Amino acid sequence: MTKTNLARLIIIILVFLFFVLYFMQASGYNEYTRNRENMLTEEQIKEYEEDIEAGKDVTIKDYLNKDKVNYDNKVSDLGLDLSELIGDVFNKGMNAFFEMLNEAVSS
């Protein structure tokens, strides 16, 4: 692989990643997930209002989702371990790639 082909590949990958991130931002994906996590359900709001009218001492933590289901199992643990391994390999590969690119540019 020549330096020209390597540079083209790098540029194509970077442009692709830019467009993916841009369209995620433009579609509001991150804002949607943050808002969904922070919103109280209608039932929780009614319960909160009833407790305030009754004069109870209330905090917001009392009304957040209490029934979190634990989905941990061996398969999900394996998937998490595998994704962490892929992330580590990717980080090391990118570091090596940029070191190689730095050497090619400085030569």
PDB file of N, CA and C in Angstrom:
ATOM      1  N   MET A   1       0.853  -1.172   0.000  1.00  0.00           N
ATOM      2  CA  MET A   1       0.000   0.000   0.000  1.00  0.00           C
ATOM      3  C   MET A   1       0.898   1.234   0.000  1.00  0.00           C
ATOM      4  N   THR A   2       0.687   2.086  -0.963  1.00  0.00           N
ATOM      5  CA  THR A   2       1.510   3.282  -1.073  1.00  0.00           C
ATOM      6  C   THR A   2       0.998   4.368  -0.130  1.00  0.00           C
ATOM      7  N   LYS A   3       1.818   5.400   0.024  1.00  0.00           N
ATOM      8  CA  LYS A   3       1.432   6.502   0.916  1.00  0.00           C
ATOM      9  C   LYS A   3       0.191   7.217   0.400  1.00  0.00           C
ATOM     10  N   THR A   4       0.050   7.316  -0.902  1.00  0.00           N
ATOM     11  CA  THR A   4      -1.116   7.982  -1.490  1.00  0.00           C
ATOM     12  C   THR A   4      -2.390   7.209  -1.192  1.00  0.00           C
ATOM     13  N   ASN A   5      -2.343   5.895  -1.383  1.00  0.00           N
ATOM     14  CA  ASN A   5      -3.505   5.061  -1.088  1.00  0.00           C
ATOM     15  C   ASN A   5      -3.841   5.105   0.399  1.00  0.00           C
ATOM     16  N   LEU A   6      -2.834   5.102   1.239  1.00  0.00           N
ATOM     17  CA  LEU A   6      -3.042   5.166   2.677  1.00  0.00           C
ATOM     18  C   LEU A   6      -3.687   6.489   3.061  1.00  0.00           C
ATOM     19  N   ALA A   7      -3.231   7.571   2.477  1.00  0.00           N
ATOM     20  CA  ALA A   7      -3.806   8.883   2.765  1.00  0.00           C
ATOM     21  C   ALA A   7      -5.260   8.947   2.304  1.00  0.00           C
ATOM     22  N   ARG A   8      -5.565   8.400   1.136  1.00  0.00           N
ATOM     23  CA  ARG A   8      -6.950   8.379   0.643  1.00  0.00           C
ATOM     24  C   ARG A   8      -7.841   7.572   1.576  1.00  0.00           C
ATOM     25  N   LEU A   9      -7.366   6.431   2.023  1.00  0.00           N
ATOM     26  CA  LEU A   9      -8.137   5.597   2.937  1.00  0.00           C
ATOM     27  C   LEU A   9      -8.418   6.338   4.236  1.00  0.00           C
ATOM     28  N   ILE A  10      -7.430   7.006   4.750  1.00  0.00           N
ATOM     29  CA  ILE A  10      -7.599   7.762   5.998  1.00  0.00           C
ATOM     30  C   ILE A  10      -8.634   8.866   5.811  1.00  0.00           C
ATOM     31  N   ILE A  11      -8.546   9.588   4.714  1.00  0.00           N
ATOM     32  CA  ILE A  11      -9.479  10.679   4.454  1.00  0.00           C
ATOM     33  C   ILE A  11     -10.896  10.148   4.300  1.00  0.00           C
ATOM     34  N   ILE A  12     -11.054   9.044   3.601  1.00  0.00           N
ATOM     35  CA  ILE A  12     -12.392   8.453   3.421  1.00  0.00           C
ATOM     36  C   ILE A  12     -12.974   8.036   4.762  1.00  0.00           C
ATOM     37  N   ILE A  13     -12.178   7.403   5.609  1.00  0.00           N
ATOM     38  CA  ILE A  13     -12.657   6.974   6.923  1.00  0.00           C
ATOM     39  C   ILE A  13     -13.046   8.181   7.776  1.00  0.00           C
ATOM     40  N   LEU A  14     -12.228   9.216   7.770  1.00  0.00           N
ATOM     41  CA  LEU A  14     -12.521  10.398   8.571  1.00  0.00           C
ATOM     42  C   LEU A  14     -13.777  11.109   8.078  1.00  0.00           C
ATOM     43  N   VAL A  15     -13.963  11.198   6.765  1.00  0.00           N
ATOM     44  CA  VAL A  15     -15.170  11.828   6.222  1.00  0.00           C
ATOM     45  C   VAL A  15     -16.395  11.007   6.597  1.00  0.00           C
ATOM     46  N   PHE A  16     -16.304   9.699   6.507  1.00  0.00           N
ATOM     47  CA  PHE A  16     -17.416   8.832   6.881  1.00  0.00           C
ATOM     48  C   PHE A  16     -17.775   9.021   8.350  1.00  0.00           C
ATOM     49  N   LEU A  17     -16.791   9.026   9.231  1.00  0.00           N
ATOM     50  CA  LEU A  17     -17.048   9.220  10.659  1.00  0.00           C
ATOM     51  C   LEU A  17     -17.648  10.597  10.925  1.00  0.00           C
ATOM     52  N   PHE A  18     -17.178  11.609  10.209  1.00  0.00           N
ATOM     53  CA  PHE A  18     -17.741  12.943  10.362  1.00  0.00           C
ATOM     54  C   PHE A  18     -19.225  12.944  10.028  1.00  0.00           C
ATOM     55  N   PHE A  19     -19.593  12.329   8.900  1.00  0.00           N
ATOM     56  CA  PHE A  19     -20.992  12.329   8.508  1.00  0.00           C
ATOM     57  C   PHE A  19     -21.860  11.534   9.472  1.00  0.00           C
ATOM     58  N   VAL A  20     -21.353  10.437   9.980  1.00  0.00           N
ATOM     59  CA  VAL A  20     -22.117   9.665  10.970  1.00  0.00           C
ATOM     60  C   VAL A  20     -22.388  10.516  12.197  1.00  0.00           C
ATOM     61  N   LEU A  21     -21.362  11.143  12.734  1.00  0.00           N
ATOM     62  CA  LEU A  21     -21.534  11.981  13.922  1.00  0.00           C
ATOM     63  C   LEU A  21     -22.410  13.193  13.628  1.00  0.00           C
ATOM     64  N   TYR A  22     -22.252  13.781  12.455  1.00  0.00           N
ATOM     65  CA  TYR A  22     -23.062  14.942  12.092  1.00  0.00           C
ATOM     66  C   TYR A  22     -24.541  14.589  12.042  1.00  0.00           C
ATOM     67  N   PHE A  23     -24.883  13.482  11.388  1.00  0.00           N
ATOM     68  CA  PHE A  23     -26.283  13.107  11.277  1.00  0.00           C
ATOM     69  C   PHE A  23     -26.863  12.659  12.617  1.00  0.00           C
ATOM     70  N   MET A  24     -26.048  12.090  13.487  1.00  0.00           N
ATOM     71  CA  MET A  24     -26.532  11.779  14.835  1.00  0.00           C
ATOM     72  C   MET A  24     -26.889  13.072  15.566  1.00  0.00           C
ATOM     73  N   GLN A  25     -26.042  14.078  15.436  1.00  0.00           N
ATOM     74  CA  GLN A  25     -26.301  15.357  16.088  1.00  0.00           C
ATOM     75  C   GLN A  25     -27.506  16.039  15.454  1.00  0.00           C
ATOM     76  N   ALA A  26     -27.603  16.019  14.145  1.00  0.00           N
ATOM     77  CA  ALA A  26     -28.690  16.696  13.445  1.00  0.00           C
ATOM     78  C   ALA A  26     -30.039  16.050  13.739  1.00  0.00           C
ATOM     79  N   SER A  27     -30.050  14.755  13.930  1.00  0.00           N
ATOM     80  CA  SER A  27     -31.313  14.069  14.197  1.00  0.00           C
ATOM     81  C   SER A  27     -31.752  14.216  15.645  1.00  0.00           C
ATOM     82  N   GLY A  28     -30.896  14.740  16.501  1.00  0.00           N
ATOM     83  CA  GLY A  28     -31.269  14.934  17.898  1.00  0.00           C
ATOM     84  C   GLY A  28     -31.207  13.670  18.714  1.00  0.00           C
ATOM     85  N   TYR A  29     -30.450  12.707  18.272  1.00  0.00           N
ATOM     86  CA  TYR A  29     -30.393  11.422  18.969  1.00  0.00           C
ATOM     87  C   TYR A  29     -29.911  11.583  20.411  1.00  0.00           C
ATOM     88  N   ASN A  30     -28.848  12.340  20.615  1.00  0.00           N
ATOM     89  CA  ASN A  30     -28.305  12.482  21.968  1.00  0.00           C
ATOM     90  C   ASN A  30     -29.269  13.219  22.879  1.00  0.00           C
ATOM     91  N   GLU A  31     -29.909  14.289  22.380  1.00  0.00           N
ATOM     92  CA  GLU A  31     -30.865  15.027  23.191  1.00  0.00           C
ATOM     93  C   GLU A  31     -32.055  14.149  23.555  1.00  0.00           C
ATOM     94  N   TYR A  32     -32.510  13.340  22.608  1.00  0.00           N
ATOM     95  CA  TYR A  32     -33.641  12.451  22.865  1.00  0.00           C
ATOM     96  C   TYR A  32     -33.313  11.467  23.978  1.00  0.00           C
ATOM     97  N   THR A  33     -32.144  10.852  23.922  1.00  0.00           N
ATOM     98  CA  THR A  33     -31.810   9.868  24.957  1.00  0.00           C
ATOM     99  C   THR A  33     -31.643  10.536  26.315  1.00  0.00           C
ATOM    100  N   ARG A  34     -31.052  11.746  26.348  1.00  0.00           N
ATOM    101  CA  ARG A  34     -30.920  12.458  27.626  1.00  0.00           C
ATOM    102  C   ARG A  34     -32.280  12.843  28.187  1.00  0.00           C
ATOM    103  N   ASN A  35     -33.165  13.348  27.343  1.00  0.00           N
ATOM    104  CA  ASN A  35     -34.499  13.738  27.811  1.00  0.00           C
ATOM    105  C   ASN A  35     -35.299  12.544  28.285  1.00  0.00           C
ATOM    106  N   ARG A  36     -35.173  11.430  27.597  1.00  0.00           N
ATOM    107  CA  ARG A  36     -35.910  10.236  27.994  1.00  0.00           C
ATOM    108  C   ARG A  36     -35.463   9.744  29.365  1.00  0.00           C
ATOM    109  N   GLU A  37     -34.181   9.863  29.650  1.00  0.00           N
ATOM    110  CA  GLU A  37     -33.676   9.433  30.946  1.00  0.00           C
ATOM    111  C   GLU A  37     -34.130  10.369  32.059  1.00  0.00           C
ATOM    112  N   ASN A  38     -34.325  11.646  31.764  1.00  0.00           N
ATOM    113  CA  ASN A  38     -34.617  12.633  32.793  1.00  0.00           C
ATOM    114  C   ASN A  38     -36.098  12.886  33.029  1.00  0.00           C
ATOM    115  N   MET A  39     -36.936  12.438  32.145  1.00  0.00           N
ATOM    116  CA  MET A  39     -38.355  12.727  32.271  1.00  0.00           C
ATOM    117  C   MET A  39     -39.027  11.800  33.282  1.00  0.00           C
ATOM    118  N   LEU A  40     -39.944  12.387  34.031  1.00  0.00           N
ATOM    119  CA  LEU A  40     -40.760  11.592  34.936  1.00  0.00           C
ATOM    120  C   LEU A  40     -42.007  11.132  34.185  1.00  0.00           C
ATOM    121  N   THR A  41     -42.516  10.003  34.559  1.00  0.00           N
ATOM    122  CA  THR A  41     -43.735   9.526  33.926  1.00  0.00           C
ATOM    123  C   THR A  41     -44.931  10.265  34.512  1.00  0.00           C
ATOM    124  N   GLU A  42     -46.058  10.177  33.856  1.00  0.00           N
ATOM    125  CA  GLU A  42     -47.276  10.842  34.325  1.00  0.00           C
ATOM    126  C   GLU A  42     -47.679  10.339  35.709  1.00  0.00           C
ATOM    127  N   GLU A  43     -47.533   9.039  35.940  1.00  0.00           N
ATOM    128  CA  GLU A  43     -47.880   8.479  37.249  1.00  0.00           C
ATOM    129  C   GLU A  43     -47.000   9.065  38.353  1.00  0.00           C
ATOM    130  N   GLN A  44     -45.730   9.189  38.073  1.00  0.00           N
ATOM    131  CA  GLN A  44     -44.812   9.724  39.063  1.00  0.00           C
ATOM    132  C   GLN A  44     -45.120  11.192  39.350  1.00  0.00           C
ATOM    133  N   ILE A  45     -45.503  11.944  38.335  1.00  0.00           N
ATOM    134  CA  ILE A  45     -45.844  13.350  38.529  1.00  0.00           C
ATOM    135  C   ILE A  45     -47.103  13.467  39.385  1.00  0.00           C
ATOM    136  N   LYS A  46     -48.123  12.641  39.090  1.00  0.00           N
ATOM    137  CA  LYS A  46     -49.353  12.675  39.887  1.00  0.00           C
ATOM    138  C   LYS A  46     -49.070  12.295  41.338  1.00  0.00           C
ATOM    139  N   GLU A  47     -48.261  11.272  41.539  1.00  0.00           N
ATOM    140  CA  GLU A  47     -47.918  10.845  42.893  1.00  0.00           C
ATOM    141  C   GLU A  47     -47.179  11.963  43.629  1.00  0.00           C
ATOM    142  N   TYR A  48     -46.290  12.650  42.944  1.00  0.00           N
ATOM    143  CA  TYR A  48     -45.541  13.763  43.520  1.00  0.00           C
ATOM    144  C   TYR A  48     -46.489  14.893  43.923  1.00  0.00           C
ATOM    145  N   GLU A  49     -47.405  15.249  43.034  1.00  0.00           N
ATOM    146  CA  GLU A  49     -48.350  16.321  43.334  1.00  0.00           C
ATOM    147  C   GLU A  49     -49.260  15.966  44.504  1.00  0.00           C
ATOM    148  N   GLU A  50     -49.702  14.706  44.553  1.00  0.00           N
ATOM    149  CA  GLU A  50     -50.551  14.275  45.671  1.00  0.00           C
ATOM    150  C   GLU A  50     -49.802  14.351  46.989  1.00  0.00           C
ATOM    151  N   ASP A  51     -48.536  13.964  46.993  1.00  0.00           N
ATOM    152  CA  ASP A  51     -47.743  14.020  48.222  1.00  0.00           C
ATOM    153  C   ASP A  51     -47.492  15.458  48.662  1.00  0.00           C
ATOM    154  N   ILE A  52     -47.318  16.365  47.715  1.00  0.00           N
ATOM    155  CA  ILE A  52     -47.130  17.773  48.073  1.00  0.00           C
ATOM    156  C   ILE A  52     -48.409  18.332  48.689  1.00  0.00           C
ATOM    157  N   GLU A  53     -49.573  17.984  48.081  1.00  0.00           N
ATOM    158  CA  GLU A  53     -50.845  18.452  48.627  1.00  0.00           C
ATOM    159  C   GLU A  53     -51.100  17.883  50.017  1.00  0.00           C
ATOM    160  N   ALA A  54     -50.625  16.659  50.264  1.00  0.00           N
ATOM    161  CA  ALA A  54     -50.817  16.039  51.574  1.00  0.00           C
ATOM    162  C   ALA A  54     -49.828  16.594  52.597  1.00  0.00           C
ATOM    163  N   GLY A  55     -48.850  17.378  52.151  1.00  0.00           N
ATOM    164  CA  GLY A  55     -47.901  17.989  53.063  1.00  0.00           C
ATOM    165  C   GLY A  55     -46.745  17.077  53.453  1.00  0.00           C
ATOM    166  N   LYS A  56     -46.495  16.055  52.664  1.00  0.00           N
ATOM    167  CA  LYS A  56     -45.388  15.147  52.964  1.00  0.00           C
ATOM    168  C   LYS A  56     -44.062  15.785  52.588  1.00  0.00           C
ATOM    169  N   ASP A  57     -42.994  15.329  53.252  1.00  0.00           N
ATOM    170  CA  ASP A  57     -41.638  15.762  52.903  1.00  0.00           C
ATOM    171  C   ASP A  57     -41.211  14.946  51.684  1.00  0.00           C
ATOM    172  N   VAL A  58     -40.964  15.612  50.552  1.00  0.00           N
ATOM    173  CA  VAL A  58     -40.685  14.898  49.306  1.00  0.00           C
ATOM    174  C   VAL A  58     -39.324  15.280  48.760  1.00  0.00           C
ATOM    175  N   THR A  59     -38.693  14.320  48.112  1.00  0.00           N
ATOM    176  CA  THR A  59     -37.487  14.560  47.322  1.00  0.00           C
ATOM    177  C   THR A  59     -37.687  13.870  45.983  1.00  0.00           C
ATOM    178  N   ILE A  60     -36.995  14.350  44.977  1.00  0.00           N
ATOM    179  CA  ILE A  60     -37.173  13.818  43.624  1.00  0.00           C
ATOM    180  C   ILE A  60     -36.729  12.362  43.535  1.00  0.00           C
ATOM    181  N   LYS A  61     -35.790  11.964  44.377  1.00  0.00           N
ATOM    182  CA  LYS A  61     -35.283  10.588  44.324  1.00  0.00           C
ATOM    183  C   LYS A  61     -36.362   9.574  44.683  1.00  0.00           C
ATOM    184  N   ASP A  62     -37.365  10.011  45.441  1.00  0.00           N
ATOM    185  CA  ASP A  62     -38.445   9.099  45.809  1.00  0.00           C
ATOM    186  C   ASP A  62     -39.326   8.734  44.620  1.00  0.00           C
ATOM    187  N   TYR A  63     -39.262   9.520  43.546  1.00  0.00           N
ATOM    188  CA  TYR A  63     -40.188   9.339  42.438  1.00  0.00           C
ATOM    189  C   TYR A  63     -39.521   8.853  41.159  1.00  0.00           C
ATOM    190  N   LEU A  64     -38.246   8.661  41.190  1.00  0.00           N
ATOM    191  CA  LEU A  64     -37.558   8.129  40.014  1.00  0.00           C
ATOM    192  C   LEU A  64     -37.870   6.649  39.868  1.00  0.00           C
ATOM    193  N   ASN A  65     -37.607   6.104  38.695  1.00  0.00           N
ATOM    194  CA  ASN A  65     -37.907   4.694  38.440  1.00  0.00           C
ATOM    195  C   ASN A  65     -37.240   3.814  39.477  1.00  0.00           C
ATOM    196  N   LYS A  66     -38.061   3.123  40.242  1.00  0.00           N
ATOM    197  CA  LYS A  66     -37.550   2.266  41.306  1.00  0.00           C
ATOM    198  C   LYS A  66     -37.381   0.826  40.837  1.00  0.00           C
ATOM    199  N   ASP A  67     -38.162   0.454  39.871  1.00  0.00           N
ATOM    200  CA  ASP A  67     -38.166  -0.940  39.437  1.00  0.00           C
ATOM    201  C   ASP A  67     -37.236  -1.148  38.253  1.00  0.00           C
ATOM    202  N   LYS A  68     -35.960  -0.952  38.477  1.00  0.00           N
ATOM    203  CA  LYS A  68     -34.949  -1.221  37.452  1.00  0.00           C
ATOM    204  C   LYS A  68     -34.742  -2.732  37.382  1.00  0.00           C
ATOM    205  N   VAL A  69     -34.871  -3.269  36.203  1.00  0.00           N
ATOM    206  CA  VAL A  69     -34.703  -4.705  36.011  1.00  0.00           C
ATOM    207  C   VAL A  69     -33.243  -4.979  35.703  1.00  0.00           C
ATOM    208  N   ASN A  70     -32.687  -5.961  36.373  1.00  0.00           N
ATOM    209  CA  ASN A  70     -31.298  -6.342  36.155  1.00  0.00           C
ATOM    210  C   ASN A  70     -31.257  -7.426  35.078  1.00  0.00           C
ATOM    211  N   TYR A  71     -30.677  -7.094  33.951  1.00  0.00           N
ATOM    212  CA  TYR A  71     -30.614  -8.025  32.837  1.00  0.00           C
ATOM    213  C   TYR A  71     -29.247  -8.705  32.722  1.00  0.00           C
ATOM    214  N   ASP A  72     -28.439  -8.625  33.748  1.00  0.00           N
ATOM    215  CA  ASP A  72     -27.122  -9.242  33.700  1.00  0.00           C
ATOM    216  C   ASP A  72     -27.242 -10.762  33.619  1.00  0.00           C
ATOM    217  N   ASN A  73     -26.488 -11.326  32.710  1.00  0.00           N
ATOM    218  CA  ASN A  73     -26.357 -12.773  32.613  1.00  0.00           C
ATOM    219  C   ASN A  73     -25.017 -13.055  31.945  1.00  0.00           C
ATOM    220  N   LYS A  74     -24.711 -14.312  31.743  1.00  0.00           N
ATOM    221  CA  LYS A  74     -23.406 -14.670  31.193  1.00  0.00           C
ATOM    222  C   LYS A  74     -23.217 -14.155  29.767  1.00  0.00           C
ATOM    223  N   VAL A  75     -24.281 -14.153  28.993  1.00  0.00           N
ATOM    224  CA  VAL A  75     -24.181 -13.697  27.611  1.00  0.00           C
ATOM    225  C   VAL A  75     -23.916 -12.191  27.569  1.00  0.00           C
ATOM    226  N   SER A  76     -24.638 -11.416  28.388  1.00  0.00           N
ATOM    227  CA  SER A  76     -24.419  -9.966  28.377  1.00  0.00           C
ATOM    228  C   SER A  76     -23.044  -9.628  28.947  1.00  0.00           C
ATOM    229  N   ASP A  77     -22.591 -10.374  29.952  1.00  0.00           N
ATOM    230  CA  ASP A  77     -21.243 -10.158  30.480  1.00  0.00           C
ATOM    231  C   ASP A  77     -20.189 -10.457  29.421  1.00  0.00           C
ATOM    232  N   LEU A  78     -20.401 -11.525  28.656  1.00  0.00           N
ATOM    233  CA  LEU A  78     -19.486 -11.864  27.568  1.00  0.00           C
ATOM    234  C   LEU A  78     -19.481 -10.765  26.516  1.00  0.00           C
ATOM    235  N   GLY A  79     -20.663 -10.249  26.174  1.00  0.00           N
ATOM    236  CA  GLY A  79     -20.752  -9.164  25.206  1.00  0.00           C
ATOM    237  C   GLY A  79     -20.033  -7.915  25.686  1.00  0.00           C
ATOM    238  N   LEU A  80     -20.169  -7.598  26.975  1.00  0.00           N
ATOM    239  CA  LEU A  80     -19.486  -6.440  27.536  1.00  0.00           C
ATOM    240  C   LEU A  80     -17.977  -6.635  27.504  1.00  0.00           C
ATOM    241  N   ASP A  81     -17.516  -7.808  27.906  1.00  0.00           N
ATOM    242  CA  ASP A  81     -16.083  -8.093  27.866  1.00  0.00           C
ATOM    243  C   ASP A  81     -15.538  -8.027  26.441  1.00  0.00           C
ATOM    244  N   LEU A  82     -16.305  -8.570  25.508  1.00  0.00           N
ATOM    245  CA  LEU A  82     -15.888  -8.555  24.107  1.00  0.00           C
ATOM    246  C   LEU A  82     -15.821  -7.126  23.575  1.00  0.00           C
ATOM    247  N   SER A  83     -16.808  -6.300  23.921  1.00  0.00           N
ATOM    248  CA  SER A  83     -16.787  -4.919  23.435  1.00  0.00           C
ATOM    249  C   SER A  83     -15.628  -4.137  24.050  1.00  0.00           C
ATOM    250  N   GLU A  84     -15.303  -4.395  25.314  1.00  0.00           N
ATOM    251  CA  GLU A  84     -14.149  -3.739  25.926  1.00  0.00           C
ATOM    252  C   GLU A  84     -12.853  -4.175  25.260  1.00  0.00           C
ATOM    253  N   LEU A  85     -12.746  -5.467  24.917  1.00  0.00           N
ATOM    254  CA  LEU A  85     -11.567  -5.973  24.226  1.00  0.00           C
ATOM    255  C   LEU A  85     -11.437  -5.319  22.846  1.00  0.00           C
ATOM    256  N   ILE A  86     -12.545  -5.225  22.125  1.00  0.00           N
ATOM    257  CA  ILE A  86     -12.522  -4.590  20.805  1.00  0.00           C
ATOM    258  C   ILE A  86     -12.119  -3.125  20.944  1.00  0.00           C
ATOM    259  N   GLY A  87     -12.637  -2.451  21.963  1.00  0.00           N
ATOM    260  CA  GLY A  87     -12.275  -1.055  22.187  1.00  0.00           C
ATOM    261  C   GLY A  87     -10.801  -0.882  22.479  1.00  0.00           C
ATOM    262  N   ASP A  88     -10.241  -1.778  23.307  1.00  0.00           N
ATOM    263  CA  ASP A  88      -8.808  -1.704  23.613  1.00  0.00           C
ATOM    264  C   ASP A  88      -7.960  -1.946  22.369  1.00  0.00           C
ATOM    265  N   VAL A  89      -8.327  -2.966  21.583  1.00  0.00           N
ATOM    266  CA  VAL A  89      -7.589  -3.265  20.356  1.00  0.00           C
ATOM    267  C   VAL A  89      -7.689  -2.095  19.382  1.00  0.00           C
ATOM    268  N   PHE A  90      -8.878  -1.510  19.271  1.00  0.00           N
ATOM    269  CA  PHE A  90      -9.061  -0.366  18.384  1.00  0.00           C
ATOM    270  C   PHE A  90      -8.204   0.812  18.829  1.00  0.00           C
ATOM    271  N   ASN A  91      -8.188   1.091  20.137  1.00  0.00           N
ATOM    272  CA  ASN A  91      -7.361   2.197  20.641  1.00  0.00           C
ATOM    273  C   ASN A  91      -5.886   1.971  20.357  1.00  0.00           C
ATOM    274  N   LYS A  92      -5.404   0.763  20.607  1.00  0.00           N
ATOM    275  CA  LYS A  92      -4.000   0.470  20.338  1.00  0.00           C
ATOM    276  C   LYS A  92      -3.699   0.565  18.847  1.00  0.00           C
ATOM    277  N   GLY A  93      -4.622   0.069  18.022  1.00  0.00           N
ATOM    278  CA  GLY A  93      -4.436   0.131  16.578  1.00  0.00           C
ATOM    279  C   GLY A  93      -4.418   1.564  16.078  1.00  0.00           C
ATOM    280  N   MET A  94      -5.312   2.403  16.592  1.00  0.00           N
ATOM    281  CA  MET A  94      -5.341   3.806  16.177  1.00  0.00           C
ATOM    282  C   MET A  94      -4.085   4.536  16.640  1.00  0.00           C
ATOM    283  N   ASN A  95      -3.623   4.246  17.846  1.00  0.00           N
ATOM    284  CA  ASN A  95      -2.381   4.866  18.318  1.00  0.00           C
ATOM    285  C   ASN A  95      -1.204   4.474  17.429  1.00  0.00           C
ATOM    286  N   ALA A  96      -1.118   3.189  17.087  1.00  0.00           N
ATOM    287  CA  ALA A  96      -0.043   2.726  16.215  1.00  0.00           C
ATOM    288  C   ALA A  96      -0.179   3.347  14.823  1.00  0.00           C
ATOM    289  N   PHE A  97      -1.409   3.464  14.335  1.00  0.00           N
ATOM    290  CA  PHE A  97      -1.657   4.046  13.026  1.00  0.00           C
ATOM    291  C   PHE A  97      -1.211   5.503  12.987  1.00  0.00           C
ATOM    292  N   PHE A  98      -1.564   6.283  14.011  1.00  0.00           N
ATOM    293  CA  PHE A  98      -1.182   7.687  14.018  1.00  0.00           C
ATOM    294  C   PHE A  98       0.312   7.871  14.238  1.00  0.00           C
ATOM    295  N   GLU A  99       0.942   6.972  14.962  1.00  0.00           N
ATOM    296  CA  GLU A  99       2.402   7.020  15.088  1.00  0.00           C
ATOM    297  C   GLU A  99       3.049   6.754  13.732  1.00  0.00           C
ATOM    298  N   MET A 100       2.521   5.773  13.008  1.00  0.00           N
ATOM    299  CA  MET A 100       3.040   5.462  11.685  1.00  0.00           C
ATOM    300  C   MET A 100       2.804   6.631  10.737  1.00  0.00           C
ATOM    301  N   LEU A 101       1.628   7.252  10.814  1.00  0.00           N
ATOM    302  CA  LEU A 101       1.315   8.398   9.985  1.00  0.00           C
ATOM    303  C   LEU A 101       2.237   9.576  10.323  1.00  0.00           C
ATOM    304  N   ASN A 102       2.517   9.754  11.597  1.00  0.00           N
ATOM    305  CA  ASN A 102       3.411  10.821  12.035  1.00  0.00           C
ATOM    306  C   ASN A 102       4.815  10.592  11.478  1.00  0.00           C
ATOM    307  N   GLU A 103       5.276   9.359  11.506  1.00  0.00           N
ATOM    308  CA  GLU A 103       6.605   9.041  10.964  1.00  0.00           C
ATOM    309  C   GLU A 103       6.630   9.261   9.454  1.00  0.00           C
ATOM    310  N   ALA A 104       5.549   8.917   8.762  1.00  0.00           N
ATOM    311  CA  ALA A 104       5.492   9.074   7.315  1.00  0.00           C
ATOM    312  C   ALA A 104       5.481  10.563   6.931  1.00  0.00           C
ATOM    313  N   VAL A 105       4.803  11.365   7.694  1.00  0.00           N
ATOM    314  CA  VAL A 105       4.726  12.785   7.385  1.00  0.00           C
ATOM    315  C   VAL A 105       6.031  13.488   7.726  1.00  0.00           C
ATOM    316  N   SER A 106       6.643  13.095   8.823  1.00  0.00           N
ATOM    317  CA  SER A 106       7.878  13.764   9.251  1.00  0.00           C
ATOM    318  C   SER A 106       9.092  13.305   8.447  1.00  0.00           C
ATOM    319  N   SER A 107       8.977  12.225   7.712  1.00  0.00           N
ATOM    320  CA  SER A 107      10.118  11.724   6.924  1.00  0.00           C
ATOM    321  C   SER A 107      10.337  12.514   5.677  1.00  0.00           C
TER     322      SER A 107
END
